[in-house]
Amino acid sequence: MNQDLGLSKGEKRRQNIINALKLRGKISIQEIVQLFDCSEATVRRDLDLLEKKGALIRNLGGAVLDQQSIVKEQSFQEKKELLWFEKEAVAQEAASLVEEGDSIGLTGGTTTFLIARALKKHEGITVVTNAVNIAMELADSDGVQVLLTGGVMRRKSYELCGPLAEKMLEGININKMFMGIDGIAAEQGVTTYSELEAEIARLMIKRSLQTYAVFDYTKLGRTSLFPIAPLSSLHGCITNAGADHPLMDQMREQGMELHLTKGGPE
């Protein structure tokens, strides 16, 4: 976050609009208003400025990226710039569920990275992860034992994947798993951009007593490329999404444990 200290509020917002566009490929004015809590007039000015810089292409209801520039998957560093404080609230709620003696599973992702940071002062817990940056974040924590899988690292997410990671996970038992996701929807369940990461997440779910999906409200109702698991595989969700979203009602009907933090859309 330090790289943003020299930017004005408007510059940060426009940078975040571009980051959101890289993730989605297109975005509407109303989505920007909701994401960044600003007026339509402000959004239109931002889009005009960004179009003049060649950063996007305006359309009637919002903007799109040039097809040559659309990026389906953002890197960890790019994702860090989106909804950081909202993700911190989700991470703190997740950490509050962890008790001494727990074995915790953490997949890669910005929200799970913040969970790792929130767990650093815990005592007598074990964290199982396939994310190199999460293991490094916990390296100096005396009360946390870290088990890092083997495997080949994906540069965008720092996650270790492949047969080595899978083989290690087959022999491990996890109490509570916190899973980062790229999308969650009623029919498609939880999804992600990487087939390799989806496979690791499925194995971690299989080895876990309880699995929580952790995500900010922009993931709600969205579908990414590769399915991880159906909603029925989840013990609960931790998010800042609005409590009245239809998908939340469906989760409640299924008996899912919901933890809603502050900071979501009105």
Protein backbone atom coordinates (compact mmCIF):
# COMPACT_ATOMS: atom_id res chain seq x y z
CA MET A 1 0.00 0.00 0.00
CA ASN A 2 2.93 2.35 0.46
CA GLN A 3 3.17 2.99 -3.25
CA ASP A 4 -0.18 4.83 -3.05
CA LEU A 5 0.93 7.40 -0.46
CA GLY A 6 1.85 9.99 -3.11
CA LEU A 7 -1.44 9.69 -4.99
CA SER A 8 -4.47 11.92 -4.53
CA LYS A 9 -7.85 10.42 -3.62
CA GLY A 10 -9.02 10.81 -7.24
CA GLU A 11 -5.87 9.19 -8.63
CA LYS A 12 -6.25 6.23 -6.28
CA ARG A 13 -9.88 5.84 -7.31
CA ARG A 14 -9.03 5.93 -11.02
CA GLN A 15 -6.25 3.40 -10.46
CA ASN A 16 -8.73 1.13 -8.71
CA ILE A 17 -11.21 1.53 -11.57
CA ILE A 18 -8.54 0.26 -13.96
CA ASN A 19 -7.75 -2.65 -11.61
CA ALA A 20 -11.44 -3.57 -11.51
CA LEU A 21 -11.59 -3.37 -15.31
CA LYS A 22 -8.60 -5.68 -15.64
CA LEU A 23 -10.44 -8.22 -13.52
CA ARG A 24 -13.85 -7.91 -15.22
CA GLY A 25 -13.08 -6.74 -18.75
CA LYS A 26 -16.01 -4.29 -18.56
CA ILE A 27 -17.71 -2.24 -15.86
CA SER A 28 -20.83 -0.10 -15.61
CA ILE A 29 -21.12 3.37 -14.10
CA GLN A 30 -23.44 2.02 -11.41
CA GLU A 31 -20.93 -0.70 -10.47
CA ILE A 32 -18.21 1.93 -10.06
CA VAL A 33 -20.53 4.10 -7.94
CA GLN A 34 -21.22 1.11 -5.70
CA LEU A 35 -17.62 -0.10 -5.52
CA PHE A 36 -16.00 3.23 -4.72
CA ASP A 37 -18.84 5.17 -3.05
CA CYS A 38 -18.81 8.17 -5.38
CA SER A 39 -21.34 10.08 -7.51
CA GLU A 40 -22.23 9.33 -11.13
CA ALA A 41 -20.85 12.73 -12.13
CA THR A 42 -17.50 11.85 -10.54
CA VAL A 43 -17.45 8.48 -12.30
CA ARG A 44 -18.16 10.07 -15.68
CA ARG A 45 -15.30 12.54 -15.18
CA ASP A 46 -12.97 9.71 -14.15
CA LEU A 47 -13.88 7.65 -17.21
CA ASP A 48 -13.38 10.66 -19.50
CA LEU A 49 -9.90 11.23 -18.05
CA LEU A 50 -8.97 7.56 -18.33
CA GLU A 51 -10.21 7.40 -21.92
CA LYS A 52 -8.06 10.39 -22.86
CA LYS A 53 -5.07 8.53 -21.44
CA GLY A 54 -5.94 5.50 -23.56
CA ALA A 55 -6.55 3.36 -20.48
CA LEU A 56 -10.06 2.26 -21.49
CA ILE A 57 -12.84 2.61 -24.06
CA ARG A 58 -16.07 4.38 -23.06
CA ASN A 59 -19.43 2.89 -23.92
CA LEU A 60 -23.00 3.97 -23.21
CA GLY A 61 -23.27 2.55 -19.71
CA GLY A 62 -19.67 2.50 -18.53
CA ALA A 63 -16.37 1.32 -19.99
CA VAL A 64 -14.45 -1.64 -21.39
CA LEU A 65 -10.80 -2.45 -21.87
CA ASP A 66 -9.35 -2.76 -25.34
CA GLN A 67 -9.52 -6.47 -26.20
CA GLN A 68 -5.72 -6.53 -26.42
CA SER A 69 -5.49 -5.29 -22.84
CA ILE A 70 -8.09 -7.42 -21.05
CA VAL A 71 -6.49 -9.51 -18.31
CA LYS A 72 -8.62 -12.34 -16.94
CA GLU A 73 -6.55 -12.88 -13.85
CA GLN A 74 -4.93 -10.22 -11.69
CA SER A 75 -1.70 -10.71 -9.81
CA PHE A 76 -1.57 -10.66 -6.00
CA GLN A 77 -0.04 -7.17 -6.10
CA GLU A 78 -2.87 -5.85 -8.30
CA LYS A 79 -5.54 -7.42 -6.11
CA LYS A 80 -3.98 -5.80 -3.04
CA GLU A 81 -5.14 -2.42 -4.28
CA LEU A 82 -8.83 -3.38 -4.29
CA LEU A 83 -10.99 -3.11 -1.14
CA TRP A 84 -8.06 -3.59 1.25
CA PHE A 85 -9.90 -2.35 4.36
CA GLU A 86 -12.96 -4.46 3.59
CA LYS A 87 -10.74 -7.52 3.24
CA GLU A 88 -9.03 -6.70 6.54
CA ALA A 89 -12.42 -6.75 8.28
CA VAL A 90 -13.16 -10.17 6.78
CA ALA A 91 -9.71 -11.40 7.87
CA GLN A 92 -10.19 -10.23 11.46
CA GLU A 93 -13.54 -12.03 11.63
CA ALA A 94 -11.96 -15.22 10.31
CA ALA A 95 -9.11 -15.02 12.82
CA SER A 96 -11.62 -14.65 15.65
CA LEU A 97 -12.90 -18.18 14.87
CA VAL A 98 -9.47 -19.74 15.42
CA GLU A 99 -8.77 -21.41 18.76
CA GLU A 100 -5.63 -22.77 20.38
CA GLY A 101 -4.88 -26.25 19.08
CA ASP A 102 -6.54 -25.67 15.71
CA SER A 103 -5.00 -26.73 12.42
CA ILE A 104 -5.89 -24.03 9.88
CA GLY A 105 -5.87 -24.30 6.10
CA LEU A 106 -5.21 -21.18 4.02
CA THR A 107 -5.31 -21.09 0.24
CA GLY A 108 -3.60 -18.22 -1.58
CA GLY A 109 -5.19 -14.80 -2.04
CA THR A 110 -5.22 -11.29 -0.63
CA THR A 111 -7.91 -12.00 1.96
CA THR A 112 -6.24 -15.19 3.17
CA PHE A 113 -2.91 -13.33 3.32
CA LEU A 114 -4.56 -10.85 5.69
CA ILE A 115 -5.95 -13.75 7.73
CA ALA A 116 -2.37 -15.03 8.10
CA ARG A 117 -1.30 -11.60 9.29
CA ALA A 118 -4.16 -11.58 11.82
CA LEU A 119 -3.10 -15.02 13.10
CA LYS A 120 0.48 -14.03 13.90
CA LYS A 121 -0.26 -13.40 17.59
CA HIS A 122 -2.16 -16.66 18.08
CA GLU A 123 -0.60 -19.44 20.15
CA GLY A 124 -0.54 -23.16 19.64
CA ILE A 125 -1.95 -23.36 16.12
CA THR A 126 -0.75 -24.96 12.89
CA VAL A 127 -1.28 -23.31 9.51
CA VAL A 128 -1.29 -25.48 6.39
CA THR A 129 -0.88 -23.49 3.18
CA ASN A 130 0.22 -23.82 -0.42
CA ALA A 131 0.98 -20.07 -0.68
CA VAL A 132 4.63 -19.06 -0.32
CA ASN A 133 3.85 -15.46 0.70
CA ILE A 134 1.53 -16.65 3.48
CA ALA A 135 4.20 -18.98 4.84
CA MET A 136 6.72 -16.11 4.80
CA GLU A 137 4.27 -13.81 6.58
CA LEU A 138 4.00 -16.33 9.42
CA ALA A 139 7.70 -17.24 9.51
CA ASP A 140 8.53 -15.05 12.53
CA SER A 141 5.50 -16.06 14.60
CA ASP A 142 6.60 -18.20 17.56
CA GLY A 143 3.11 -19.52 18.33
CA VAL A 144 2.31 -20.69 14.81
CA GLN A 145 3.65 -23.86 13.21
CA VAL A 146 3.63 -23.59 9.42
CA LEU A 147 3.32 -26.47 6.96
CA LEU A 148 4.05 -25.36 3.39
CA THR A 149 3.27 -27.77 0.57
CA GLY A 150 5.68 -28.52 -2.20
CA GLY A 151 4.85 -27.91 -5.82
CA VAL A 152 5.40 -25.48 -8.68
CA MET A 153 4.72 -21.83 -7.84
CA ARG A 154 2.22 -19.78 -9.87
CA ARG A 155 3.71 -16.30 -10.10
CA LYS A 156 0.43 -14.41 -10.07
CA SER A 157 -0.74 -15.89 -6.77
CA TYR A 158 2.42 -17.35 -5.15
CA GLU A 159 0.51 -20.64 -4.80
CA LEU A 160 2.28 -23.99 -5.07
CA CYS A 161 0.38 -26.46 -7.25
CA GLY A 162 0.78 -29.81 -8.93
CA PRO A 163 1.44 -33.41 -7.81
CA LEU A 164 3.87 -32.54 -4.99
CA ALA A 165 1.34 -30.25 -3.31
CA GLU A 166 -1.46 -32.75 -3.83
CA LYS A 167 0.54 -35.65 -2.37
CA MET A 168 1.36 -33.73 0.82
CA LEU A 169 -2.24 -32.63 1.37
CA GLU A 170 -3.49 -36.20 1.12
CA GLY A 171 -1.86 -36.99 4.48
CA ILE A 172 -3.00 -33.93 6.47
CA ASN A 173 -6.07 -33.24 8.60
CA ILE A 174 -7.36 -29.65 8.92
CA ASN A 175 -9.88 -28.32 11.44
CA LYS A 176 -10.85 -25.05 9.75
CA MET A 177 -10.03 -24.03 6.20
CA PHE A 178 -10.32 -20.46 4.94
CA MET A 179 -10.56 -20.44 1.17
CA GLY A 180 -10.01 -17.43 -1.07
CA ILE A 181 -12.21 -17.40 -4.18
CA ASP A 182 -12.73 -15.40 -7.38
CA GLY A 183 -16.50 -15.92 -7.60
CA ILE A 184 -19.48 -17.43 -5.79
CA ALA A 185 -22.88 -18.12 -7.34
CA ALA A 186 -25.92 -20.29 -6.64
CA GLU A 187 -25.58 -22.79 -9.49
CA GLN A 188 -21.83 -22.69 -10.16
CA GLY A 189 -20.77 -22.65 -6.50
CA VAL A 190 -17.30 -21.29 -5.70
CA THR A 191 -14.94 -20.70 -8.63
CA THR A 192 -11.43 -19.49 -9.44
CA TYR A 193 -9.28 -18.46 -12.43
CA SER A 194 -6.77 -21.31 -12.16
CA GLU A 195 -7.54 -24.98 -12.77
CA LEU A 196 -4.45 -25.97 -10.75
CA GLU A 197 -5.50 -23.85 -7.78
CA ALA A 198 -9.03 -25.21 -8.01
CA GLU A 199 -7.68 -28.76 -7.65
CA ILE A 200 -5.60 -27.84 -4.57
CA ALA A 201 -8.60 -26.11 -2.99
CA ARG A 202 -10.76 -29.20 -3.57
CA LEU A 203 -8.18 -31.39 -1.84
CA MET A 204 -8.01 -29.00 1.12
CA ILE A 205 -11.80 -29.04 1.41
CA LYS A 206 -11.72 -32.86 1.44
CA ARG A 207 -9.17 -32.84 4.28
CA SER A 208 -11.01 -30.19 6.35
CA LEU A 209 -13.73 -30.54 8.98
CA GLN A 210 -15.03 -27.02 8.25
CA THR A 211 -14.51 -24.90 5.15
CA TYR A 212 -15.20 -21.16 5.06
CA ALA A 213 -15.20 -19.15 1.84
CA VAL A 214 -13.72 -15.71 2.55
CA PHE A 215 -14.41 -12.93 0.06
CA ASP A 216 -15.34 -9.27 -0.45
CA TYR A 217 -18.76 -8.36 -1.79
CA THR A 218 -17.61 -7.94 -5.41
CA LYS A 219 -17.28 -11.75 -5.69
CA LEU A 220 -20.94 -12.36 -4.84
CA GLY A 221 -23.02 -13.60 -7.77
CA ARG A 222 -19.96 -13.78 -10.05
CA THR A 223 -18.60 -16.85 -11.79
CA SER A 224 -14.98 -17.49 -12.69
CA LEU A 225 -13.56 -20.02 -15.13
CA PHE A 226 -12.94 -23.14 -13.03
CA PRO A 227 -15.31 -24.60 -10.43
CA ILE A 228 -13.92 -25.50 -7.02
CA ALA A 229 -16.96 -26.90 -5.23
CA PRO A 230 -20.73 -26.48 -4.83
CA LEU A 231 -22.14 -24.25 -2.08
CA SER A 232 -23.16 -27.38 -0.18
CA SER A 233 -19.47 -28.15 0.47
CA LEU A 234 -19.12 -25.00 2.59
CA HIS A 235 -19.59 -24.85 6.34
CA GLY A 236 -19.83 -21.08 6.16
CA CYS A 237 -18.93 -17.79 4.50
CA ILE A 238 -17.20 -14.68 5.81
CA THR A 239 -17.82 -11.56 3.76
CA ASN A 240 -18.88 -7.92 3.83
CA ALA A 241 -21.66 -8.50 1.31
CA GLY A 242 -25.08 -7.02 1.98
CA ALA A 243 -27.24 -9.21 4.21
CA ASP A 244 -30.24 -8.89 1.88
CA HIS A 245 -28.54 -10.31 -1.23
CA PRO A 246 -30.62 -13.22 -2.66
CA LEU A 247 -27.64 -15.57 -2.51
CA MET A 248 -27.33 -14.88 1.22
CA ASP A 249 -30.93 -15.96 1.69
CA GLN A 250 -30.22 -19.19 -0.15
CA MET A 251 -27.17 -19.85 2.04
CA ARG A 252 -29.24 -19.34 5.17
CA GLU A 253 -31.85 -21.79 3.90
CA GLN A 254 -29.09 -24.38 3.48
CA GLY A 255 -28.08 -23.87 7.11
CA MET A 256 -24.77 -22.25 6.23
CA GLU A 257 -22.94 -20.24 8.90
CA LEU A 258 -22.72 -16.60 7.75
CA HIS A 259 -20.40 -13.95 9.16
CA LEU A 260 -21.08 -10.48 7.71
CA THR A 261 -18.64 -7.70 8.48
CA LYS A 262 -19.13 -3.97 7.96
CA GLY A 263 -18.09 -2.18 4.79
CA GLY A 264 -20.27 -3.81 2.15
CA PRO A 265 -22.69 -2.03 -0.18
CA GLU A 266 -25.76 -0.34 1.28
